[in-house]
Amino acid sequence: MAEHFRPRRRAITALGRGDSVVVIGLGRFGQALALELAESGVDVLGIDTDETIVQDFNGRLTQVVRADATREEVLRQLGVADFTHAVVAIGSSMEASILASSWLLRLNVPHVWAKAITAAHGQILTQLGVHHVVYPESDMGRKVAHLLRGTIADYLDLGGGFAMVTAQAPALMTGKPLDKVGFRKKHNLNVVAVRQPDGSWGHATGETVLSRGDTIIVVGPAAVAEGFIDMT
């Protein structure tokens, strides 16, 4: 599985005021990412080799240019070294992804993210020293698989071997305080929040008593969290 090749990550910090992001590769993943950041007020430079895409995004991002991001001199001319974050979202060429990531690291961009097409691609990016490697297709595929299985309402891979699951509380957890249920001790999973049938959310504590119809958010090791569906 892809997790075996996840990098030793730097701590993920929220974008702050004055932070800027360069997104290399404006395919579906890069476009969605760049637009979401731009709409939230982040300065975004988009780079792609397709003139049609560049024209389409003109005015939608802070700046968008047609350029070859696999060339060091191009990245220097665009001032990429001054950006706080960079995302290599290239999905059509593993070689281009690796080259662009390598130059970003050499330019000492503080936070470099890269999309991995395959597990082997992710391993190479990790060995290069990319700070955060993401597997959007793999992660989404796993999420949809969990949703299709039935009772899990949402599944999120948190990275580092952990996952978060939203699901209806299983019968074995209802009717008595969570401390008495011993769910964490038995299954190594933490119930962090609960939603009542009226839609209101609240923090879960050891004294929380779950009822039928409650929805809970559970966090823990991915392998165990994935098996949570079998308890529901």
C-alpha atoms as a PDB file:
ATOM      1  CA  MET A   1       0.000   0.000   0.000  1.00  0.00           C
ATOM      2  CA  ALA A   2       1.049   3.590  -0.554  1.00  0.00           C
ATOM      3  CA  GLU A   3       1.528   4.300   3.166  1.00  0.00           C
ATOM      4  CA  HIS A   4       4.720   2.267   3.209  1.00  0.00           C
ATOM      5  CA  PHE A   5       6.348   4.992   1.128  1.00  0.00           C
ATOM      6  CA  ARG A   6       5.053   8.071   2.931  1.00  0.00           C
ATOM      7  CA  PRO A   7       7.827  10.531   3.802  1.00  0.00           C
ATOM      8  CA  ARG A   8       9.096  11.659   7.132  1.00  0.00           C
ATOM      9  CA  ARG A   9       6.945  14.714   7.173  1.00  0.00           C
ATOM     10  CA  ARG A  10       7.544  18.149   8.484  1.00  0.00           C
ATOM     11  CA  ALA A  11       4.777  19.309  10.766  1.00  0.00           C
ATOM     12  CA  ILE A  12       1.875  20.522   8.667  1.00  0.00           C
ATOM     13  CA  THR A  13       1.181  24.145   9.479  1.00  0.00           C
ATOM     14  CA  ALA A  14      -1.773  26.229   8.367  1.00  0.00           C
ATOM     15  CA  LEU A  15      -1.185  28.877   5.740  1.00  0.00           C
ATOM     16  CA  GLY A  16      -0.645  32.215   7.445  1.00  0.00           C
ATOM     17  CA  ARG A  17      -1.050  35.786   6.338  1.00  0.00           C
ATOM     18  CA  GLY A  18       1.565  36.574   3.723  1.00  0.00           C
ATOM     19  CA  ASP A  19       2.067  32.952   2.718  1.00  0.00           C
ATOM     20  CA  SER A  20       1.996  32.152  -0.990  1.00  0.00           C
ATOM     21  CA  VAL A  21       1.662  28.976  -3.016  1.00  0.00           C
ATOM     22  CA  VAL A  22       2.919  27.960  -6.435  1.00  0.00           C
ATOM     23  CA  VAL A  23       0.936  25.150  -8.048  1.00  0.00           C
ATOM     24  CA  ILE A  24       2.758  23.328 -10.842  1.00  0.00           C
ATOM     25  CA  GLY A  25       0.416  21.409 -13.116  1.00  0.00           C
ATOM     26  CA  LEU A  26      -3.154  22.589 -13.611  1.00  0.00           C
ATOM     27  CA  GLY A  27      -4.885  19.308 -14.289  1.00  0.00           C
ATOM     28  CA  ARG A  28      -8.056  18.453 -12.382  1.00  0.00           C
ATOM     29  CA  PHE A  29      -6.257  18.058  -9.060  1.00  0.00           C
ATOM     30  CA  GLY A  30      -4.098  21.163  -9.508  1.00  0.00           C
ATOM     31  CA  GLN A  31      -7.028  23.251 -10.718  1.00  0.00           C
ATOM     32  CA  ALA A  32      -9.236  22.328  -7.772  1.00  0.00           C
ATOM     33  CA  LEU A  33      -6.412  22.997  -5.321  1.00  0.00           C
ATOM     34  CA  ALA A  34      -5.377  26.320  -6.866  1.00  0.00           C
ATOM     35  CA  LEU A  35      -8.932  27.652  -7.107  1.00  0.00           C
ATOM     36  CA  GLU A  36      -9.777  26.658  -3.537  1.00  0.00           C
ATOM     37  CA  LEU A  37      -6.675  28.444  -2.246  1.00  0.00           C
ATOM     38  CA  ALA A  38      -7.310  31.527  -4.391  1.00  0.00           C
ATOM     39  CA  GLU A  39     -10.927  31.747  -3.258  1.00  0.00           C
ATOM     40  CA  SER A  40      -9.767  31.687   0.356  1.00  0.00           C
ATOM     41  CA  GLY A  41      -7.505  34.689  -0.257  1.00  0.00           C
ATOM     42  CA  VAL A  42      -4.137  32.967  -0.730  1.00  0.00           C
ATOM     43  CA  ASP A  43      -1.717  34.327  -3.347  1.00  0.00           C
ATOM     44  CA  VAL A  44      -1.398  31.565  -5.941  1.00  0.00           C
ATOM     45  CA  LEU A  45       0.919  31.260  -8.925  1.00  0.00           C
ATOM     46  CA  GLY A  46      -0.233  28.601 -11.363  1.00  0.00           C
ATOM     47  CA  ILE A  47       2.205  27.058 -13.849  1.00  0.00           C
ATOM     48  CA  ASP A  48       1.274  24.786 -16.739  1.00  0.00           C
ATOM     49  CA  THR A  49       2.587  23.993 -20.216  1.00  0.00           C
ATOM     50  CA  ASP A  50      -0.872  24.077 -21.830  1.00  0.00           C
ATOM     51  CA  GLU A  51      -1.660  27.513 -23.287  1.00  0.00           C
ATOM     52  CA  THR A  52      -5.406  26.835 -23.312  1.00  0.00           C
ATOM     53  CA  ILE A  53      -5.445  26.064 -19.592  1.00  0.00           C
ATOM     54  CA  VAL A  54      -3.309  29.107 -18.825  1.00  0.00           C
ATOM     55  CA  GLN A  55      -5.681  31.384 -20.745  1.00  0.00           C
ATOM     56  CA  ASP A  56      -8.687  29.846 -19.006  1.00  0.00           C
ATOM     57  CA  PHE A  57      -7.195  30.545 -15.571  1.00  0.00           C
ATOM     58  CA  ASN A  58      -6.065  34.073 -16.363  1.00  0.00           C
ATOM     59  CA  GLY A  59      -7.700  36.327 -13.764  1.00  0.00           C
ATOM     60  CA  ARG A  60      -8.822  33.423 -11.603  1.00  0.00           C
ATOM     61  CA  LEU A  61      -5.477  33.074  -9.802  1.00  0.00           C
ATOM     62  CA  THR A  62      -3.077  35.762  -8.616  1.00  0.00           C
ATOM     63  CA  GLN A  63      -0.879  34.879 -11.582  1.00  0.00           C
ATOM     64  CA  VAL A  64      -0.817  32.064 -14.114  1.00  0.00           C
ATOM     65  CA  VAL A  65       1.944  31.415 -16.640  1.00  0.00           C
ATOM     66  CA  ARG A  66       2.752  28.977 -19.404  1.00  0.00           C
ATOM     67  CA  ALA A  67       6.183  27.592 -18.563  1.00  0.00           C
ATOM     68  CA  ASP A  68       8.282  24.456 -18.225  1.00  0.00           C
ATOM     69  CA  ALA A  69       8.684  23.910 -14.486  1.00  0.00           C
ATOM     70  CA  THR A  70      11.275  21.179 -15.008  1.00  0.00           C
ATOM     71  CA  ARG A  71      13.894  23.832 -15.846  1.00  0.00           C
ATOM     72  CA  GLU A  72      15.756  25.532 -13.000  1.00  0.00           C
ATOM     73  CA  GLU A  73      16.235  28.829 -14.848  1.00  0.00           C
ATOM     74  CA  VAL A  74      12.496  29.089 -15.487  1.00  0.00           C
ATOM     75  CA  LEU A  75      11.655  28.593 -11.819  1.00  0.00           C
ATOM     76  CA  ARG A  76      14.258  31.175 -10.824  1.00  0.00           C
ATOM     77  CA  GLN A  77      12.901  33.716 -13.324  1.00  0.00           C
ATOM     78  CA  LEU A  78       9.412  33.231 -11.914  1.00  0.00           C
ATOM     79  CA  GLY A  79      10.680  33.868  -8.386  1.00  0.00           C
ATOM     80  CA  VAL A  80       9.492  30.496  -7.119  1.00  0.00           C
ATOM     81  CA  ALA A  81      12.173  30.526  -4.398  1.00  0.00           C
ATOM     82  CA  ASP A  82      10.261  33.366  -2.731  1.00  0.00           C
ATOM     83  CA  PHE A  83       7.129  31.289  -2.238  1.00  0.00           C
ATOM     84  CA  THR A  84       6.440  29.668   1.129  1.00  0.00           C
ATOM     85  CA  HIS A  85       4.694  26.605  -0.328  1.00  0.00           C
ATOM     86  CA  ALA A  86       4.842  24.692  -3.596  1.00  0.00           C
ATOM     87  CA  VAL A  87       2.636  21.901  -4.873  1.00  0.00           C
ATOM     88  CA  VAL A  88       3.729  19.689  -7.753  1.00  0.00           C
ATOM     89  CA  ALA A  89       0.401  18.506  -9.130  1.00  0.00           C
ATOM     90  CA  ILE A  90       1.733  17.037 -12.385  1.00  0.00           C
ATOM     91  CA  GLY A  91      -0.140  13.852 -13.196  1.00  0.00           C
ATOM     92  CA  SER A  92       0.849  13.138 -16.785  1.00  0.00           C
ATOM     93  CA  SER A  93       4.600  12.607 -16.415  1.00  0.00           C
ATOM     94  CA  MET A  94       6.436  11.025 -13.518  1.00  0.00           C
ATOM     95  CA  GLU A  95       9.739  12.351 -14.867  1.00  0.00           C
ATOM     96  CA  ALA A  96       8.448  15.942 -14.993  1.00  0.00           C
ATOM     97  CA  SER A  97       7.054  15.601 -11.473  1.00  0.00           C
ATOM     98  CA  ILE A  98      10.376  14.367 -10.116  1.00  0.00           C
ATOM     99  CA  LEU A  99      12.396  17.055 -11.913  1.00  0.00           C
ATOM    100  CA  ALA A 100      10.137  19.879 -10.760  1.00  0.00           C
ATOM    101  CA  SER A 101      10.166  18.596  -7.182  1.00  0.00           C
ATOM    102  CA  SER A 102      13.950  18.304  -7.244  1.00  0.00           C
ATOM    103  CA  TRP A 103      14.401  21.916  -8.355  1.00  0.00           C
ATOM    104  CA  LEU A 104      11.958  23.194  -5.745  1.00  0.00           C
ATOM    105  CA  LEU A 105      13.964  21.455  -3.047  1.00  0.00           C
ATOM    106  CA  ARG A 106      17.222  22.860  -4.409  1.00  0.00           C
ATOM    107  CA  LEU A 107      15.649  26.327  -4.365  1.00  0.00           C
ATOM    108  CA  ASN A 108      14.886  25.756  -0.676  1.00  0.00           C
ATOM    109  CA  VAL A 109      11.130  26.300  -0.891  1.00  0.00           C
ATOM    110  CA  PRO A 110      10.119  25.746   2.769  1.00  0.00           C
ATOM    111  CA  HIS A 111       7.154  23.440   2.152  1.00  0.00           C
ATOM    112  CA  VAL A 112       7.092  21.219  -0.918  1.00  0.00           C
ATOM    113  CA  TRP A 113       4.086  19.006  -1.602  1.00  0.00           C
ATOM    114  CA  ALA A 114       3.868  16.584  -4.508  1.00  0.00           C
ATOM    115  CA  LYS A 115       1.174  14.382  -5.994  1.00  0.00           C
ATOM    116  CA  ALA A 116       2.237  10.770  -6.455  1.00  0.00           C
ATOM    117  CA  ILE A 117       0.834   8.815  -9.368  1.00  0.00           C
ATOM    118  CA  THR A 118       1.958   5.427  -8.045  1.00  0.00           C
ATOM    119  CA  ALA A 119       3.535   3.998  -4.910  1.00  0.00           C
ATOM    120  CA  ALA A 120       6.913   3.798  -6.702  1.00  0.00           C
ATOM    121  CA  HIS A 121       6.581   7.446  -7.713  1.00  0.00           C
ATOM    122  CA  GLY A 122       5.831   8.336  -4.097  1.00  0.00           C
ATOM    123  CA  GLN A 123       8.882   6.416  -2.920  1.00  0.00           C
ATOM    124  CA  ILE A 124      11.132   8.378  -5.269  1.00  0.00           C
ATOM    125  CA  LEU A 125       9.622  11.689  -4.131  1.00  0.00           C
ATOM    126  CA  THR A 126      10.185  10.661  -0.530  1.00  0.00           C
ATOM    127  CA  GLN A 127      13.812   9.776  -1.224  1.00  0.00           C
ATOM    128  CA  LEU A 128      14.305  13.165  -2.856  1.00  0.00           C
ATOM    129  CA  GLY A 129      13.207  14.783   0.381  1.00  0.00           C
ATOM    130  CA  VAL A 130       9.765  16.087  -0.609  1.00  0.00           C
ATOM    131  CA  HIS A 131       8.131  17.215   2.625  1.00  0.00           C
ATOM    132  CA  HIS A 132       4.597  15.960   1.918  1.00  0.00           C
ATOM    133  CA  VAL A 133       3.631  13.301  -0.628  1.00  0.00           C
ATOM    134  CA  VAL A 134      -0.069  12.878  -1.387  1.00  0.00           C
ATOM    135  CA  TYR A 135      -1.927  10.101  -3.194  1.00  0.00           C
ATOM    136  CA  PRO A 136      -5.245  11.691  -4.223  1.00  0.00           C
ATOM    137  CA  GLU A 137      -6.493   8.896  -6.466  1.00  0.00           C
ATOM    138  CA  SER A 138      -5.551   6.143  -4.019  1.00  0.00           C
ATOM    139  CA  ASP A 139      -6.927   8.006  -1.000  1.00  0.00           C
ATOM    140  CA  MET A 140     -10.202   8.850  -2.748  1.00  0.00           C
ATOM    141  CA  GLY A 141     -10.559   5.294  -3.978  1.00  0.00           C
ATOM    142  CA  ARG A 142     -10.193   3.929  -0.465  1.00  0.00           C
ATOM    143  CA  LYS A 143     -12.655   6.500   0.857  1.00  0.00           C
ATOM    144  CA  VAL A 144     -15.292   5.623  -1.729  1.00  0.00           C
ATOM    145  CA  ALA A 145     -14.782   1.918  -1.046  1.00  0.00           C
ATOM    146  CA  HIS A 146     -15.519   2.503   2.628  1.00  0.00           C
ATOM    147  CA  LEU A 147     -18.592   4.564   1.819  1.00  0.00           C
ATOM    148  CA  LEU A 148     -19.888   1.874  -0.537  1.00  0.00           C
ATOM    149  CA  ARG A 149     -19.596  -0.738   2.186  1.00  0.00           C
ATOM    150  CA  GLY A 150     -22.561   0.855   3.876  1.00  0.00           C
ATOM    151  CA  THR A 151     -22.548   2.249   7.386  1.00  0.00           C
ATOM    152  CA  ILE A 152     -19.523   4.555   7.410  1.00  0.00           C
ATOM    153  CA  ALA A 153     -20.636   8.098   6.597  1.00  0.00           C
ATOM    154  CA  ASP A 154     -17.120   9.414   5.948  1.00  0.00           C
ATOM    155  CA  TYR A 155     -13.535   8.179   5.970  1.00  0.00           C
ATOM    156  CA  LEU A 156     -10.438  10.392   6.023  1.00  0.00           C
ATOM    157  CA  ASP A 157      -6.843   9.195   5.823  1.00  0.00           C
ATOM    158  CA  LEU A 158      -4.916  11.499   8.175  1.00  0.00           C
ATOM    159  CA  GLY A 159      -1.512  10.177   7.099  1.00  0.00           C
ATOM    160  CA  GLY A 160       1.111   8.743   9.405  1.00  0.00           C
ATOM    161  CA  GLY A 161      -0.907   5.551   9.712  1.00  0.00           C
ATOM    162  CA  PHE A 162      -3.972   7.240  11.252  1.00  0.00           C
ATOM    163  CA  ALA A 163      -7.506   7.698   9.955  1.00  0.00           C
ATOM    164  CA  MET A 164     -10.751   9.372  11.005  1.00  0.00           C
ATOM    165  CA  VAL A 165     -14.129   7.686  10.569  1.00  0.00           C
ATOM    166  CA  THR A 166     -17.614   9.144  10.880  1.00  0.00           C
ATOM    167  CA  ALA A 167     -20.289   6.519  11.464  1.00  0.00           C
ATOM    168  CA  GLN A 168     -23.387   5.619  13.381  1.00  0.00           C
ATOM    169  CA  ALA A 169     -22.629   4.436  16.893  1.00  0.00           C
ATOM    170  CA  PRO A 170     -22.700   0.620  17.055  1.00  0.00           C
ATOM    171  CA  ALA A 171     -25.064  -1.023  19.539  1.00  0.00           C
ATOM    172  CA  LEU A 172     -22.154  -2.319  21.624  1.00  0.00           C
ATOM    173  CA  MET A 173     -21.262   1.283  22.534  1.00  0.00           C
ATOM    174  CA  THR A 174     -24.709   2.547  23.559  1.00  0.00           C
ATOM    175  CA  GLY A 175     -26.419   2.764  26.925  1.00  0.00           C
ATOM    176  CA  LYS A 176     -23.487   3.343  29.245  1.00  0.00           C
ATOM    177  CA  PRO A 177     -20.592   5.831  29.680  1.00  0.00           C
ATOM    178  CA  LEU A 178     -17.742   5.430  27.214  1.00  0.00           C
ATOM    179  CA  ASP A 179     -15.341   4.837  30.107  1.00  0.00           C
ATOM    180  CA  LYS A 180     -17.410   1.805  31.049  1.00  0.00           C
ATOM    181  CA  VAL A 181     -17.644   0.601  27.458  1.00  0.00           C
ATOM    182  CA  GLY A 182     -13.836   0.450  27.312  1.00  0.00           C
ATOM    183  CA  PHE A 183     -13.827   1.129  23.571  1.00  0.00           C
ATOM    184  CA  ARG A 184     -10.405   2.804  23.536  1.00  0.00           C
ATOM    185  CA  LYS A 185      -8.792   0.065  25.606  1.00  0.00           C
ATOM    186  CA  LYS A 186     -10.323  -2.759  23.571  1.00  0.00           C
ATOM    187  CA  HIS A 187      -9.924  -1.323  20.077  1.00  0.00           C
ATOM    188  CA  ASN A 188      -7.270   1.439  20.343  1.00  0.00           C
ATOM    189  CA  LEU A 189      -9.739   3.974  18.903  1.00  0.00           C
ATOM    190  CA  ASN A 190     -10.804   7.304  20.370  1.00  0.00           C
ATOM    191  CA  VAL A 191     -14.323   8.714  20.117  1.00  0.00           C
ATOM    192  CA  VAL A 192     -13.712  12.444  19.770  1.00  0.00           C
ATOM    193  CA  ALA A 193     -17.182  13.844  18.973  1.00  0.00           C
ATOM    194  CA  VAL A 194     -20.831  12.827  18.893  1.00  0.00           C
ATOM    195  CA  ARG A 195     -23.817  14.160  16.962  1.00  0.00           C
ATOM    196  CA  GLN A 196     -27.238  13.812  18.464  1.00  0.00           C
ATOM    197  CA  PRO A 197     -30.302  12.973  16.343  1.00  0.00           C
ATOM    198  CA  ASP A 198     -31.213  16.707  16.391  1.00  0.00           C
ATOM    199  CA  GLY A 199     -27.987  17.470  14.483  1.00  0.00           C
ATOM    200  CA  SER A 200     -26.001  19.124  17.276  1.00  0.00           C
ATOM    201  CA  TRP A 201     -22.332  18.137  17.783  1.00  0.00           C
ATOM    202  CA  GLY A 202     -20.442  17.921  21.054  1.00  0.00           C
ATOM    203  CA  HIS A 203     -17.123  16.680  22.425  1.00  0.00           C
ATOM    204  CA  ALA A 204     -17.105  13.089  23.604  1.00  0.00           C
ATOM    205  CA  THR A 205     -15.765  12.382  27.101  1.00  0.00           C
ATOM    206  CA  GLY A 206     -15.488   9.305  29.261  1.00  0.00           C
ATOM    207  CA  GLU A 207     -18.867  10.214  30.768  1.00  0.00           C
ATOM    208  CA  THR A 208     -20.641  10.479  27.403  1.00  0.00           C
ATOM    209  CA  VAL A 209     -23.481   7.988  26.999  1.00  0.00           C
ATOM    210  CA  LEU A 210     -24.309   7.144  23.389  1.00  0.00           C
ATOM    211  CA  SER A 211     -27.791   6.326  22.146  1.00  0.00           C
ATOM    212  CA  ARG A 212     -29.108   4.603  19.061  1.00  0.00           C
ATOM    213  CA  GLY A 213     -29.052   7.041  16.155  1.00  0.00           C
ATOM    214  CA  ASP A 214     -26.041   8.988  17.414  1.00  0.00           C
ATOM    215  CA  THR A 215     -23.277   9.676  14.904  1.00  0.00           C
ATOM    216  CA  ILE A 216     -19.703   9.595  16.196  1.00  0.00           C
ATOM    217  CA  ILE A 217     -16.270  10.602  14.950  1.00  0.00           C
ATOM    218  CA  VAL A 218     -13.588   8.030  15.722  1.00  0.00           C
ATOM    219  CA  VAL A 219      -9.819   8.498  15.330  1.00  0.00           C
ATOM    220  CA  GLY A 220      -7.124   5.852  15.512  1.00  0.00           C
ATOM    221  CA  PRO A 221      -4.716   3.603  13.581  1.00  0.00           C
ATOM    222  CA  ALA A 222      -5.923   3.295   9.977  1.00  0.00           C
ATOM    223  CA  ALA A 223      -6.011  -0.502   9.993  1.00  0.00           C
ATOM    224  CA  VAL A 224      -8.226  -0.512  13.089  1.00  0.00           C
ATOM    225  CA  ALA A 225     -10.361   2.416  11.937  1.00  0.00           C
ATOM    226  CA  GLU A 226     -11.030   0.640   8.646  1.00  0.00           C
ATOM    227  CA  GLY A 227     -12.320  -2.333  10.626  1.00  0.00           C
ATOM    228  CA  PHE A 228     -14.694  -0.115  12.568  1.00  0.00           C
ATOM    229  CA  ILE A 229     -17.366  -0.818   9.948  1.00  0.00           C
ATOM    230  CA  ASP A 230     -17.421  -4.442  11.095  1.00  0.00           C
ATOM    231  CA  MET A 231     -18.366  -3.304  14.607  1.00  0.00           C
ATOM    232  CA  THR A 232     -21.316  -1.192  13.433  1.00  0.00           C
END
